[in-house]
């Protein structure tokens, strides 16, 4: 079962069903008397490109480092605020497409579905003798939202359609379309910046530098009447109607001012609608499904035995009743994560933001932007392993664009080489520290490690695809640039080790020896893990590409001098260079475990016990995305039972917009609370990590499955080296493995048992393990089956 099912309409946004093609997003409510599609477009953000003024922080940087050498943490915190910059801009809603029906508010036999296999939402209900149906999807090939409305008895459809927006906007119509035009704010403060006396600033019509937009809707009707007038479409006595909605914005690029000409947007939308309406609805739908399934159908995942849930229950009620003991729901949430990534991140679009592409607020939580100290990265954790490499491309392109501003920022602020970014970014590739001139907290406002973390995505894209051209042309200059920044940013401590200074552990504080709360220190563990990881991946990249120069030697030497990780007084991995007391022992961030997952420096050796102690001290509670990270961490540690306990916590239906208690909303979107999409992606990545691992140079099958998963299967998951795997297991033992590879490569797998190798056209042969590993040469596109 790969669908979400409900017996009533959505009353709240957290109950509506998400549709998307990477660029256009819609939340479908499915009401009887009134149906609403809340609309988004991925380039609809506040602001022109930048309000940043050049800022030389070299003197402040010297002062902060001196304060830290003297252990004056309060003074360091205050001086760091002098290095703050403006807040990033905010992702905006476009508006609403609302359908108001004349047949009344009450319907019988109501059903609302989201079909994950076809990326379709649907609504059916009966009023009197008439069955009404609605079906909607957003086409990637044709770039339209299509909504088909039908009645089982002819000429029973009577409704009005309107478009509206929360922005400075107006609605017009002509003989063939209804269209909404408006523009975004030039500035919007994040919701948590309450001190801003002008949190939302709009320009005036004809005199604004903000992004302009147009949404345009047309209709095809088989019978009855359709009239555009008074800012709405009125349909009477129809049997079958299809609505088509297209959207365009004046965004010209992250470094360009937006356009202001509505006529350009109108011509673009007219062209999109014309092409979509030239073909039949059935053909439009067929092309949409074919395009979508080319990605979605690459992977499958099923679990065998378990407490089968009641299929008659609504999806949220079934999850609430059975939780993670229902194997179909475990698999459903895995598939839902892949669905969301396809719907929010396609080639040529913007990367998925804090809410993917779905947002209904002008001032959404945390600006609905790119939060780079965990959340944006987590969005893409499942991309490569669940065979959605193309969906990773928007982030990889954004990293390149961000590096341009990041390089300028590093030079102007610190006089250093290379590039990086900080805590937040946006459509305009904001790379500055945030904090609005001393408003923010250094614990999150000043964190110059984002560029370093993002480079892991460049390397992982290569590891999974083995694409040397992309590695050389795209990844190499970006990873080298980030490494150059690190080499300049590192300083020598009193013991001769290299550390970062100033340094913070994202969004967490410590108590210094004088009992005061601090954020800024030296050598936070996460900083050093990130830099070590980047240097290691750069050295591997240099080997692959045959690069031998002074930069490589300098980096190797610096890597050897990085301060080692330390075990604290509670047996935990220290979060900071000094064994401070945590502000919150159960803090949601586990930043200093980056080296476990997504990094791989701490997956074996003497620090393993300290890692486990750290996770135990942090506890199993946490925000939605934090639970997802902990699933990944326990899976990487090969503790399937503990990972499963975290999965059970995720299967908690959260109905409140905010407050305590995290998990998923009734529509299965991740809840911090409020909604953040990273939890969905962290969950899917965590399941994949429980099923297969490849981070240590070999493949390990079923490394962290819990005892309740006695049997199951998956197909299409990818591992490093360019391999694609499909397997079945029974009684927690692998019974069959099929593999293929996108390049010629050696498949190396941990196993102490021989296997039978089967290849088409060849005689079966036995492959014996050598020192606990099986090795098999695989040619490009060759398919091999291993029987255990």
Foldseek 3Di string as FASTA:
>chain_A
DQKFKDQAFAPDQQQFFWAFQQAKIWTWGQFDQKTKTFIFGQLAWAAWQDPDDQAAAAVLQVVLQVCQLVPVFVVNQQSVLQQATADAIFGFTFWMKMKGWPLDGDWAPWMWMQGLLQRKIKIWTDDPNKIKMKMWHAFPVLGKIKIKIFIPDFQPTWIKIAIDGPAAKDWDDDFFKIKIKGFAFNAAAAPVPVVDPPRTHHDDQVDGQTKIKMKMKGKDFDDFDWGDDPRMITGGRGGMMMMIIHMDIQDDALPDGGDRDVVVNVVVRVVSVVVLVVDDPVVSSVNRSVVSNVQLVLKAWFFDDFDAFDPVDRLLVRLQVQNVRHRVNLRNLLSVLSSLLSRQAAPPHAAQFQQRRDDHDSNDHPSSFHFQLPQSVLSCLQCLQQRNLRSLVNLLVLLVQLQVVQQVNCCSHNVFFFGFAFGTHHRSNHRGQHQRSSNDGCLGRGARCRLLVSLVSQLVSCQQAVPLVCCVPRSLVSLLRSLRRVLVQWDQDPVRATKGPFHFQHPWWFQDPVRDIGGTHIHFLLSLLSNLQSLVSNLVSCVVVVNDDPSNVSSVVNSVRHDDWDQDPQRATARGPDNTHTPDQQDLDPSNCVCLPPNPNPQDDDCVSNHVSSDVSNPLDAFLLSLLVVLQNCLSNLAQVVSVVSSSLLSDADDDQDDDRWHGHSNRAGDSRPGTNSSSSSSSSSVSSCAWACNPPAIEGNSHHDQSRQWIWMFNGTYGPAKTWTFIHHRSHTFKIKMAGQAWDKHKHFAQQKWWKDFPPDDIDIFHDDPRMTIDTHHHGGMIMIGD
